[in-house]
């Protein structure tokens, strides 16, 4: 991730919208297509079509319809994209929440923005070059905003699961085996890149990770061979993550529940891995603070919260749930601006906060 605070919004794709009427979500074939791309982000349409039971033209056409409507999208970002990732709870004045949401969605170091229940109205995922830069971002920039009353910071110390590893769960084992897993690199220690020379290419892939080599070469002023070599190097070394995402409300998971969990003792590591492996876990991260795990899950309804908690506590009796919150609206996810249905609009490339930077608001 580039060390900068001011990066222009990439307007590729439909702008966030606020539709008043009913909105049609993806069907089962669409969900199978999305999962195929989650497993193999750069697989050919011929392979994807053969796995889900359609021809290549139909697969490509359906994907275009999904992306044009903002129902699904693909992005890419460095595996080692920052030195410090943290989660910030902002307690705000009620009348300032909407304006703060819009403002913070334009800040590249704030790569996700959620409005939540509980004492803190905003939940932010932020990126910083180092701890002094994180302190500067939280204390001077966030703390100096009108309407912000207080903040709480939890630094991520280890990530067990993130959105790039989550699957829709529509394909069967035979279909998944046919796709293979050559595009999914879950290395604990990725290679030393990406390098500064890859910045423009990563920005383009961040906007749309399915863009063809020829288009990337043309827009980036590179040869097709150079683009293929650089992407191949980043993929083979595990330096870049590809992520196929979808409008969760339309796909049937309208509820995002976030838990602060405490687990300790000799089984703490195995408990964290078990929570990360739950089918609906989108994020499981070890964090600083009284509760040492942050768990975020996608659910079908609020009633599922109780069922999930009972199952988790039954399997892990030493675990304690400290806090639980429901997300009222996800305004930004991994740099992508979302409407109230969760559909994708413009892309704000992620960037690390750096200490003493003049400003973070983008155009």
Protein backbone atom coordinates (compact mmCIF):
# COMPACT_ATOMS: atom_id res chain seq x y z
CA UNK A 1 0.00 0.00 0.00
CA UNK A 2 1.43 3.40 -0.93
CA UNK A 3 2.47 5.72 1.90
CA UNK A 4 0.13 8.59 1.11
CA UNK A 5 -2.97 10.19 2.51
CA UNK A 6 -4.45 11.78 -0.57
CA UNK A 7 -5.52 9.46 -3.36
CA UNK A 8 -8.28 10.33 -5.85
CA UNK A 9 -11.53 8.42 -5.76
CA UNK A 10 -11.76 5.97 -8.66
CA UNK A 11 -15.25 6.37 -10.13
CA UNK A 12 -15.32 3.00 -11.92
CA UNK A 13 -18.68 1.30 -11.60
CA UNK A 14 -22.05 2.75 -10.61
CA UNK A 15 -22.16 5.50 -8.02
CA UNK A 16 -23.71 4.66 -4.64
CA UNK A 17 -27.47 4.91 -4.94
CA UNK A 18 -30.47 5.09 -2.67
CA UNK A 19 -33.22 3.13 -4.38
CA UNK A 20 -36.74 3.41 -3.03
CA UNK A 21 -38.26 0.39 -4.79
CA UNK A 22 -37.60 -3.35 -4.53
CA UNK A 23 -34.18 -4.54 -5.63
CA UNK A 24 -33.54 -7.97 -7.14
CA UNK A 25 -30.67 -9.96 -5.66
CA UNK A 26 -28.45 -12.65 -7.22
CA UNK A 27 -29.95 -16.04 -7.99
CA UNK A 28 -28.34 -19.41 -7.25
CA UNK A 29 -26.41 -19.43 -10.51
CA UNK A 30 -25.09 -15.94 -9.76
CA UNK A 31 -23.95 -17.09 -6.32
CA UNK A 32 -22.19 -20.10 -7.86
CA UNK A 33 -20.45 -17.74 -10.27
CA UNK A 34 -19.37 -15.48 -7.41
CA UNK A 35 -17.97 -18.40 -5.41
CA UNK A 36 -16.09 -19.65 -8.45
CA UNK A 37 -14.41 -16.24 -8.69
CA UNK A 38 -13.71 -16.27 -4.95
CA UNK A 39 -11.83 -19.51 -5.45
CA UNK A 40 -10.19 -18.67 -8.78
CA UNK A 41 -10.22 -14.90 -9.35
CA UNK A 42 -8.43 -15.11 -12.70
CA UNK A 43 -9.89 -18.33 -14.08
CA UNK A 44 -11.10 -18.20 -17.67
CA UNK A 45 -14.80 -17.84 -18.38
CA UNK A 46 -14.58 -21.20 -20.13
CA UNK A 47 -13.47 -22.94 -16.93
CA UNK A 48 -15.90 -21.05 -14.71
CA UNK A 49 -18.79 -21.73 -17.08
CA UNK A 50 -18.01 -25.44 -17.27
CA UNK A 51 -18.01 -25.69 -13.46
CA UNK A 52 -21.32 -23.89 -12.92
CA UNK A 53 -23.04 -25.41 -15.95
CA UNK A 54 -23.18 -22.59 -18.52
CA UNK A 55 -21.12 -21.57 -21.52
CA UNK A 56 -18.33 -18.99 -21.32
CA UNK A 57 -20.41 -16.22 -22.93
CA UNK A 58 -23.22 -16.67 -20.41
CA UNK A 59 -20.80 -16.64 -17.47
CA UNK A 60 -19.16 -13.43 -18.70
CA UNK A 61 -22.54 -11.80 -19.40
CA UNK A 62 -23.85 -12.64 -15.95
CA UNK A 63 -20.71 -11.25 -14.31
CA UNK A 64 -21.05 -8.03 -16.28
CA UNK A 65 -24.66 -7.69 -15.13
CA UNK A 66 -23.62 -8.24 -11.52
CA UNK A 67 -20.82 -5.67 -11.69
CA UNK A 68 -22.84 -3.10 -13.63
CA UNK A 69 -25.54 -3.23 -10.94
CA UNK A 70 -23.01 -3.13 -8.10
CA UNK A 71 -24.25 -6.49 -6.82
CA UNK A 72 -20.76 -8.05 -6.99
CA UNK A 73 -17.27 -6.79 -7.62
CA UNK A 74 -13.62 -7.80 -7.50
CA UNK A 75 -10.71 -5.97 -6.00
CA UNK A 76 -7.06 -6.60 -5.18
CA UNK A 77 -4.72 -5.29 -2.53
CA UNK A 78 -1.23 -6.11 -1.21
CA UNK A 79 -1.00 -8.99 1.25
CA UNK A 80 1.46 -6.93 3.27
CA UNK A 81 -0.46 -3.73 2.72
CA UNK A 82 0.35 -1.96 5.98
CA UNK A 83 2.53 -2.17 9.06
CA UNK A 84 -0.38 -1.49 11.42
CA UNK A 85 -4.09 -2.31 11.07
CA UNK A 86 -6.41 -1.11 13.81
CA UNK A 87 -10.10 -0.91 14.61
CA UNK A 88 -11.47 2.36 15.95
CA UNK A 89 -14.76 2.85 17.77
CA UNK A 90 -15.92 6.47 17.50
CA UNK A 91 -18.50 7.85 19.91
CA UNK A 92 -20.20 10.73 18.11
CA UNK A 93 -22.90 13.30 18.59
CA UNK A 94 -26.11 11.99 17.06
CA UNK A 95 -26.48 14.91 14.66
CA UNK A 96 -22.94 14.50 13.33
CA UNK A 97 -22.99 10.81 12.42
CA UNK A 98 -24.17 11.24 8.83
CA UNK A 99 -21.68 13.99 7.98
CA UNK A 100 -18.83 12.08 9.65
CA UNK A 101 -19.75 8.96 7.69
CA UNK A 102 -19.50 10.82 4.39
CA UNK A 103 -16.24 12.49 5.36
CA UNK A 104 -14.50 9.37 6.63
CA UNK A 105 -15.54 7.39 3.55
CA UNK A 106 -13.28 9.74 1.56
CA UNK A 107 -10.20 9.11 3.73
CA UNK A 108 -7.94 6.44 2.14
CA UNK A 109 -6.44 5.26 5.49
CA UNK A 110 -9.98 4.51 6.73
CA UNK A 111 -10.67 1.53 4.50
CA UNK A 112 -13.96 0.41 6.09
CA UNK A 113 -16.74 2.42 7.75
CA UNK A 114 -19.74 0.95 9.60
CA UNK A 115 -22.55 2.58 11.54
CA UNK A 116 -23.31 0.36 14.51
CA UNK A 117 -25.46 -0.11 17.59
CA UNK A 118 -23.99 0.39 21.03
CA UNK A 119 -22.22 3.29 22.66
CA UNK A 120 -19.99 3.96 19.65
CA UNK A 121 -21.89 4.99 16.55
CA UNK A 122 -19.05 4.43 14.05
CA UNK A 123 -16.73 1.45 13.69
CA UNK A 124 -13.68 2.06 11.48
CA UNK A 125 -10.95 -0.16 10.05
CA UNK A 126 -7.80 1.90 9.55
CA UNK A 127 -4.30 1.46 8.18
CA UNK A 128 -1.11 3.20 9.32
CA UNK A 129 2.57 3.03 8.49
CA UNK A 130 3.56 2.65 12.16
CA UNK A 131 2.28 3.23 15.69
CA UNK A 132 3.15 6.98 15.79
CA UNK A 133 1.22 7.39 12.54
CA UNK A 134 -1.75 5.54 14.05
CA UNK A 135 -1.58 7.77 17.12
CA UNK A 136 -1.53 10.85 14.87
CA UNK A 137 -4.49 9.59 12.82
CA UNK A 138 -6.63 8.82 15.87
CA UNK A 139 -5.62 11.65 18.19
CA UNK A 140 -5.12 14.62 15.88
CA UNK A 141 -7.21 13.88 12.81
CA UNK A 142 -10.12 11.80 14.08
CA UNK A 143 -10.09 13.40 17.53
CA UNK A 144 -10.13 16.87 16.02
CA UNK A 145 -13.29 16.35 13.96
CA UNK A 146 -16.45 18.18 14.94
CA UNK A 147 -18.95 15.84 16.51
CA UNK A 148 -16.44 13.22 17.74
CA UNK A 149 -16.73 12.74 21.49
CA UNK A 150 -14.28 9.91 22.13
CA UNK A 151 -12.45 7.04 20.49
CA UNK A 152 -11.23 3.57 21.37
CA UNK A 153 -8.43 1.87 19.43
CA UNK A 154 -7.77 -1.86 19.14
CA UNK A 155 -4.62 -2.83 17.26
CA UNK A 156 -4.73 -6.03 15.24
CA UNK A 157 -1.93 -8.40 16.26
CA UNK A 158 -2.86 -11.45 14.16
CA UNK A 159 -5.53 -12.08 11.53
CA UNK A 160 -7.05 -15.56 11.45
CA UNK A 161 -9.70 -14.82 8.82
CA UNK A 162 -10.60 -11.90 6.58
CA UNK A 163 -13.11 -11.29 3.81
CA UNK A 164 -10.84 -12.58 1.05
CA UNK A 165 -11.04 -16.05 2.60
CA UNK A 166 -14.83 -16.15 2.99
CA UNK A 167 -16.88 -18.26 0.57
CA UNK A 168 -20.53 -18.05 -0.45
CA UNK A 169 -20.96 -21.79 0.13
CA UNK A 170 -22.96 -22.65 -3.00
CA UNK A 171 -20.57 -24.96 -4.89
CA UNK A 172 -20.20 -28.62 -3.99
CA UNK A 173 -16.88 -30.37 -3.42
CA UNK A 174 -16.73 -31.68 -6.97
CA UNK A 175 -17.13 -28.18 -8.40
CA UNK A 176 -14.53 -26.75 -6.04
CA UNK A 177 -12.10 -29.51 -6.96
CA UNK A 178 -12.63 -28.77 -10.67
CA UNK A 179 -11.66 -25.14 -10.06
CA UNK A 180 -8.57 -26.00 -8.04
CA UNK A 181 -6.93 -23.33 -5.91
CA UNK A 182 -4.01 -21.98 -7.88
CA UNK A 183 -5.13 -18.38 -7.45
CA UNK A 184 -5.61 -18.55 -3.68
CA UNK A 185 -2.40 -17.89 -1.79
CA UNK A 186 -2.72 -17.94 1.98
CA UNK A 187 0.93 -17.68 2.84
CA UNK A 188 1.71 -16.64 6.38
CA UNK A 189 4.71 -14.65 5.15
CA UNK A 190 4.20 -13.21 1.69
CA UNK A 191 7.11 -12.12 -0.48
CA UNK A 192 8.90 -8.78 -0.12
CA UNK A 193 6.76 -6.93 -2.68
CA UNK A 194 4.71 -5.41 -4.11
CA UNK A 195 7.16 -2.69 -5.07
CA UNK A 196 6.66 1.00 -5.75
CA UNK A 197 6.79 0.26 -9.47
CA UNK A 198 3.67 -1.90 -9.02
CA UNK A 199 1.63 0.95 -7.52
CA UNK A 200 -0.26 1.98 -10.68
CA UNK A 201 -0.99 -1.64 -11.52
CA UNK A 202 -2.32 -2.33 -8.01
CA UNK A 203 -4.53 0.77 -8.13
CA UNK A 204 -6.04 -0.48 -11.40
CA UNK A 205 -6.56 -3.98 -10.00
CA UNK A 206 -8.05 -2.49 -6.84
CA UNK A 207 -10.75 -0.89 -8.94
CA UNK A 208 -11.46 -4.06 -10.92
CA UNK A 209 -9.35 -7.17 -10.43
CA UNK A 210 -10.85 -8.89 -13.51
CA UNK A 211 -9.49 -6.30 -15.93
CA UNK A 212 -7.63 -7.92 -18.81
CA UNK A 213 -3.89 -7.67 -19.36
CA UNK A 214 -4.31 -5.71 -22.56
CA UNK A 215 -6.51 -3.09 -20.88
CA UNK A 216 -4.16 -2.80 -17.90
CA UNK A 217 -1.18 -2.44 -20.22
CA UNK A 218 -2.89 0.27 -22.28
CA UNK A 219 -4.06 2.31 -19.29
CA UNK A 220 -0.77 1.93 -17.42
CA UNK A 221 1.54 2.64 -20.34
CA UNK A 222 3.16 -0.79 -20.09
CA UNK A 223 3.53 -3.70 -22.44
CA UNK A 224 1.26 -6.71 -22.13
CA UNK A 225 4.34 -8.81 -21.30
CA UNK A 226 5.28 -6.51 -18.41
CA UNK A 227 1.78 -6.64 -16.95
CA UNK A 228 1.69 -10.44 -17.15
CA UNK A 229 5.12 -10.75 -15.56
CA UNK A 230 4.35 -8.39 -12.67
CA UNK A 231 0.98 -9.91 -11.87
CA UNK A 232 2.45 -13.40 -12.15
CA UNK A 233 5.24 -12.47 -9.74
CA UNK A 234 2.86 -10.96 -7.18
CA UNK A 235 0.52 -13.94 -7.34
CA UNK A 236 3.23 -16.62 -7.20
CA UNK A 237 4.89 -14.95 -4.20
CA UNK A 238 1.62 -14.37 -2.37
CA UNK A 239 2.15 -10.61 -2.44
CA UNK A 240 -1.37 -9.69 -3.54
CA UNK A 241 -4.81 -10.77 -2.38
CA UNK A 242 -7.78 -10.93 -4.73
CA UNK A 243 -11.23 -10.52 -3.29
CA UNK A 244 -14.61 -11.16 -4.89
CA UNK A 245 -17.29 -9.42 -2.85
CA UNK A 246 -21.06 -9.05 -3.05
CA UNK A 247 -23.98 -6.99 -1.78
CA UNK A 248 -24.72 -9.01 1.33
CA UNK A 249 -28.26 -7.69 1.84
CA UNK A 250 -29.32 -8.80 -1.63
CA UNK A 251 -27.55 -12.15 -1.27
CA UNK A 252 -29.39 -13.06 1.93
CA UNK A 253 -26.98 -12.06 4.73
CA UNK A 254 -28.34 -8.68 5.85
CA UNK A 255 -27.02 -8.86 9.41
CA UNK A 256 -23.42 -8.08 10.37
CA UNK A 257 -22.75 -8.92 14.01
CA UNK A 258 -19.46 -7.95 15.64
CA UNK A 259 -18.31 -9.53 18.88
CA UNK A 260 -15.54 -8.67 21.32
CA UNK A 261 -14.41 -11.97 22.74
CA UNK A 262 -11.98 -13.01 25.47
CA UNK A 263 -10.23 -16.35 25.25
CA UNK A 264 -7.21 -17.30 27.31
CA UNK A 265 -5.13 -20.23 28.44
CA UNK A 266 -3.45 -23.04 26.50
CA UNK A 267 -6.42 -23.44 24.12
CA UNK A 268 -6.67 -19.79 23.09
CA UNK A 269 -5.00 -20.30 19.73
CA UNK A 270 -7.13 -23.30 18.79
CA UNK A 271 -10.28 -21.43 19.86
CA UNK A 272 -9.37 -18.48 17.64
CA UNK A 273 -8.81 -20.80 14.68
CA UNK A 274 -12.13 -22.57 15.32
CA UNK A 275 -13.98 -19.24 15.35
CA UNK A 276 -12.22 -18.22 12.14
CA UNK A 277 -13.37 -21.47 10.49
CA UNK A 278 -17.08 -20.87 11.15
CA UNK A 279 -18.89 -20.66 7.77
CA UNK A 280 -20.20 -17.13 8.38
CA UNK A 281 -17.06 -15.62 9.87
CA UNK A 282 -15.87 -12.66 7.79
CA UNK A 283 -13.23 -11.41 10.21
CA UNK A 284 -11.44 -12.96 13.15
CA UNK A 285 -8.51 -10.99 14.49
CA UNK A 286 -6.48 -10.99 17.68
CA UNK A 287 -6.52 -7.46 19.07
CA UNK A 288 -5.25 -5.42 21.97
CA UNK A 289 -7.56 -4.51 24.82
CA UNK A 290 -9.59 -6.30 27.53
CA UNK A 291 -11.21 -8.55 24.92
CA UNK A 292 -8.47 -10.15 22.85
CA UNK A 293 -10.45 -11.28 19.79
CA UNK A 294 -12.60 -9.36 17.34
CA UNK A 295 -15.14 -11.53 15.50
CA UNK A 296 -17.41 -10.31 12.70
CA UNK A 297 -20.00 -12.60 11.12
CA UNK A 298 -22.65 -12.39 8.38
CA UNK A 299 -26.03 -13.79 9.40
CA UNK A 300 -29.48 -14.34 7.88
CA UNK A 301 -31.37 -12.59 10.68
CA UNK A 302 -30.89 -11.06 14.11
CA UNK A 303 -32.37 -14.25 15.60
CA UNK A 304 -29.27 -16.07 14.35
CA UNK A 305 -27.16 -14.10 16.81
CA UNK A 306 -28.51 -16.06 19.77
CA UNK A 307 -28.08 -19.40 17.98
CA UNK A 308 -24.49 -18.54 17.03
CA UNK A 309 -23.63 -17.50 20.57
CA UNK A 310 -25.11 -20.65 22.05
CA UNK A 311 -23.14 -22.87 19.65
CA UNK A 312 -19.90 -21.01 20.24
CA UNK A 313 -20.22 -20.95 24.02
CA UNK A 314 -21.26 -24.61 24.04
CA UNK A 315 -18.13 -25.65 22.13
CA UNK A 316 -15.79 -23.27 23.93
CA UNK A 317 -16.95 -22.96 27.56
CA UNK A 318 -13.89 -20.90 28.52
CA UNK A 319 -14.77 -18.17 26.04
CA UNK A 320 -16.39 -14.94 27.22
CA UNK A 321 -18.34 -12.52 25.01
CA UNK A 322 -17.65 -9.00 26.23
CA UNK A 323 -19.55 -6.91 23.68
CA UNK A 324 -21.90 -7.52 20.76
CA UNK A 325 -22.96 -4.98 18.15
CA UNK A 326 -25.08 -5.03 15.01
CA UNK A 327 -24.05 -3.02 11.96
CA UNK A 328 -26.83 -0.68 10.88
CA UNK A 329 -25.13 0.29 7.63
CA UNK A 330 -21.80 -0.50 5.97
CA UNK A 331 -20.89 2.67 4.10
CA UNK A 332 -17.45 1.52 2.95
CA UNK A 333 -15.80 -1.89 2.74
CA UNK A 334 -12.15 -2.35 1.78
CA UNK A 335 -12.15 0.96 -0.07
CA UNK A 336 -15.46 0.42 -1.89
CA UNK A 337 -18.33 2.86 -1.24
CA UNK A 338 -21.65 1.07 -0.71
CA UNK A 339 -25.26 2.14 -0.88
CA UNK A 340 -27.91 1.15 1.68
CA UNK A 341 -28.43 -2.20 -0.07
CA UNK A 342 -24.69 -2.90 0.10
CA UNK A 343 -24.16 -2.41 -3.64
CA UNK A 344 -20.79 -1.16 -4.82
CA UNK A 345 -20.15 2.31 -6.17
CA UNK A 346 -16.94 4.31 -6.43
CA UNK A 347 -13.60 2.97 -5.22
CA UNK A 348 -11.32 4.90 -2.84
CA UNK A 349 -7.84 3.32 -3.08
CA UNK A 350 -6.49 2.38 0.34
CA UNK A 351 -3.41 4.13 1.68
CA UNK A 352 -1.44 4.14 4.92
CA UNK A 353 -1.78 7.04 7.32
CA UNK A 354 1.57 8.73 7.83
CA UNK A 355 2.50 10.93 10.76
CA UNK A 356 2.28 14.65 10.11
CA UNK A 357 0.55 14.41 6.70
CA UNK A 358 -1.19 17.61 5.76
CA UNK A 359 -4.62 16.10 5.16
CA UNK A 360 -6.58 13.04 4.26
CA UNK A 361 -9.69 14.22 2.49
CA UNK A 362 -9.88 13.25 -1.14
CA UNK A 363 -11.63 14.97 -4.00
